[in-house]
Amino acid sequence: MDNQRGVIADMGEYLKRNPSIIVGIDVPERSICNDRKLERCRADAVRDALVQAGVPRQRIKMMDCGDAKLRREGRVEVLIMTGP
């Protein structure tokens, strides 16, 4: 868990230095692992950690955009995009 906190902290610092970047967090429309609630909880935890790291909530988009294999492994996919 400490390793993930370091990744989130590094990502938060990067995003604070680059305000034109938007983050997309994968939240699938249909559950791969038959536990959509768990998948949503994981994605929400990543979003909340980024907000706590100083990333404005409006720069974080929750969307169905990730890799099904990563979801089956219990991972949350985060995509970095340039803003409008």
C-alpha atoms as a PDB file:
ATOM      1  CA  MET A   1       0.000   0.000   0.000  1.00  0.00           C
ATOM      2  CA  ASP A   2       2.862   2.406   0.716  1.00  0.00           C
ATOM      3  CA  ASN A   3       4.081   1.993  -2.871  1.00  0.00           C
ATOM      4  CA  GLN A   4       0.676   3.076  -4.210  1.00  0.00           C
ATOM      5  CA  ARG A   5       0.702   6.111  -1.927  1.00  0.00           C
ATOM      6  CA  GLY A   6       4.050   7.092  -3.408  1.00  0.00           C
ATOM      7  CA  VAL A   7       2.686   6.722  -6.923  1.00  0.00           C
ATOM      8  CA  ILE A   8      -0.348   8.870  -6.056  1.00  0.00           C
ATOM      9  CA  ALA A   9       1.868  11.515  -4.406  1.00  0.00           C
ATOM     10  CA  ASP A  10       4.143  11.632  -7.463  1.00  0.00           C
ATOM     11  CA  MET A  11       1.153  11.835  -9.786  1.00  0.00           C
ATOM     12  CA  GLY A  12      -0.367  14.619  -7.676  1.00  0.00           C
ATOM     13  CA  GLU A  13       2.852  16.646  -7.833  1.00  0.00           C
ATOM     14  CA  TYR A  14       3.077  16.170 -11.597  1.00  0.00           C
ATOM     15  CA  LEU A  15      -0.545  17.239 -12.070  1.00  0.00           C
ATOM     16  CA  LYS A  16      -0.089  20.329  -9.889  1.00  0.00           C
ATOM     17  CA  ARG A  17       2.869  21.380 -12.082  1.00  0.00           C
ATOM     18  CA  ASN A  18       0.864  20.715 -15.268  1.00  0.00           C
ATOM     19  CA  PRO A  19      -2.581  22.293 -14.849  1.00  0.00           C
ATOM     20  CA  SER A  20      -3.685  21.578 -18.434  1.00  0.00           C
ATOM     21  CA  ILE A  21      -3.677  17.825 -17.810  1.00  0.00           C
ATOM     22  CA  ILE A  22      -6.871  15.927 -16.998  1.00  0.00           C
ATOM     23  CA  VAL A  23      -6.971  12.509 -15.351  1.00  0.00           C
ATOM     24  CA  GLY A  24      -9.338   9.751 -16.475  1.00  0.00           C
ATOM     25  CA  ILE A  25     -10.024   6.948 -14.009  1.00  0.00           C
ATOM     26  CA  ASP A  26     -11.503   3.750 -15.393  1.00  0.00           C
ATOM     27  CA  VAL A  27     -14.970   2.948 -14.049  1.00  0.00           C
ATOM     28  CA  PRO A  28     -16.507   0.226 -16.236  1.00  0.00           C
ATOM     29  CA  GLU A  29     -20.111   0.361 -17.408  1.00  0.00           C
ATOM     30  CA  ARG A  30     -20.341  -3.421 -17.059  1.00  0.00           C
ATOM     31  CA  SER A  31     -18.438  -5.325 -14.433  1.00  0.00           C
ATOM     32  CA  ILE A  32     -15.859  -7.879 -15.533  1.00  0.00           C
ATOM     33  CA  CYS A  33     -15.413  -9.431 -12.083  1.00  0.00           C
ATOM     34  CA  ASN A  34     -19.154  -9.438 -11.222  1.00  0.00           C
ATOM     35  CA  ASP A  35     -18.496  -6.972  -8.427  1.00  0.00           C
ATOM     36  CA  ARG A  36     -19.135  -3.506  -9.833  1.00  0.00           C
ATOM     37  CA  LYS A  37     -19.409  -2.081  -6.318  1.00  0.00           C
ATOM     38  CA  LEU A  38     -15.843  -3.180  -5.517  1.00  0.00           C
ATOM     39  CA  GLU A  39     -14.526  -1.794  -8.816  1.00  0.00           C
ATOM     40  CA  ARG A  40     -16.257   1.534  -8.137  1.00  0.00           C
ATOM     41  CA  CYS A  41     -14.885   1.610  -4.581  1.00  0.00           C
ATOM     42  CA  ARG A  42     -11.338   1.126  -5.881  1.00  0.00           C
ATOM     43  CA  ALA A  43     -11.754   3.871  -8.491  1.00  0.00           C
ATOM     44  CA  ASP A  44     -13.262   6.239  -5.902  1.00  0.00           C
ATOM     45  CA  ALA A  45     -10.323   5.559  -3.551  1.00  0.00           C
ATOM     46  CA  VAL A  46      -7.852   6.550  -6.280  1.00  0.00           C
ATOM     47  CA  ARG A  47      -9.860   9.703  -7.058  1.00  0.00           C
ATOM     48  CA  ASP A  48     -10.050  10.657  -3.383  1.00  0.00           C
ATOM     49  CA  ALA A  49      -6.310  10.094  -2.922  1.00  0.00           C
ATOM     50  CA  LEU A  50      -5.554  12.356  -5.890  1.00  0.00           C
ATOM     51  CA  VAL A  51      -7.830  15.050  -4.456  1.00  0.00           C
ATOM     52  CA  GLN A  52      -6.038  14.736  -1.095  1.00  0.00           C
ATOM     53  CA  ALA A  53      -2.735  15.101  -2.990  1.00  0.00           C
ATOM     54  CA  GLY A  54      -3.957  18.485  -4.241  1.00  0.00           C
ATOM     55  CA  VAL A  55      -5.496  17.656  -7.626  1.00  0.00           C
ATOM     56  CA  PRO A  56      -8.742  19.615  -8.164  1.00  0.00           C
ATOM     57  CA  ARG A  57     -11.716  17.246  -8.380  1.00  0.00           C
ATOM     58  CA  GLN A  58     -12.913  18.876 -11.625  1.00  0.00           C
ATOM     59  CA  ARG A  59      -9.718  17.674 -13.366  1.00  0.00           C
ATOM     60  CA  ILE A  60     -10.560  14.036 -12.594  1.00  0.00           C
ATOM     61  CA  LYS A  61     -13.005  12.286 -14.925  1.00  0.00           C
ATOM     62  CA  MET A  62     -14.542   8.920 -14.073  1.00  0.00           C
ATOM     63  CA  MET A  63     -15.158   6.973 -17.308  1.00  0.00           C
ATOM     64  CA  ASP A  64     -15.268   3.550 -18.910  1.00  0.00           C
ATOM     65  CA  CYS A  65     -11.916   3.546 -20.694  1.00  0.00           C
ATOM     66  CA  GLY A  66      -9.661   0.812 -19.384  1.00  0.00           C
ATOM     67  CA  ASP A  67      -8.347  -2.676 -19.985  1.00  0.00           C
ATOM     68  CA  ALA A  68     -10.575  -5.559 -18.886  1.00  0.00           C
ATOM     69  CA  LYS A  69      -7.543  -7.678 -17.949  1.00  0.00           C
ATOM     70  CA  LEU A  70      -6.339  -5.043 -15.465  1.00  0.00           C
ATOM     71  CA  ARG A  71      -9.811  -4.912 -13.902  1.00  0.00           C
ATOM     72  CA  ARG A  72      -9.815  -8.692 -13.441  1.00  0.00           C
ATOM     73  CA  GLU A  73      -6.514  -8.302 -11.588  1.00  0.00           C
ATOM     74  CA  GLY A  74      -8.107  -5.745  -9.249  1.00  0.00           C
ATOM     75  CA  ARG A  75      -6.220  -2.784 -10.699  1.00  0.00           C
ATOM     76  CA  VAL A  76      -7.453   0.723 -11.356  1.00  0.00           C
ATOM     77  CA  GLU A  77      -6.306   2.268 -14.609  1.00  0.00           C
ATOM     78  CA  VAL A  78      -5.496   5.990 -14.653  1.00  0.00           C
ATOM     79  CA  LEU A  79      -5.117   7.810 -17.959  1.00  0.00           C
ATOM     80  CA  ILE A  80      -3.482  11.189 -18.417  1.00  0.00           C
ATOM     81  CA  MET A  81      -5.019  13.499 -21.059  1.00  0.00           C
ATOM     82  CA  THR A  82      -4.450  17.054 -22.155  1.00  0.00           C
ATOM     83  CA  GLY A  83      -7.325  19.372 -21.421  1.00  0.00           C
ATOM     84  CA  PRO A  84      -9.348  21.493 -23.830  1.00  0.00           C
END
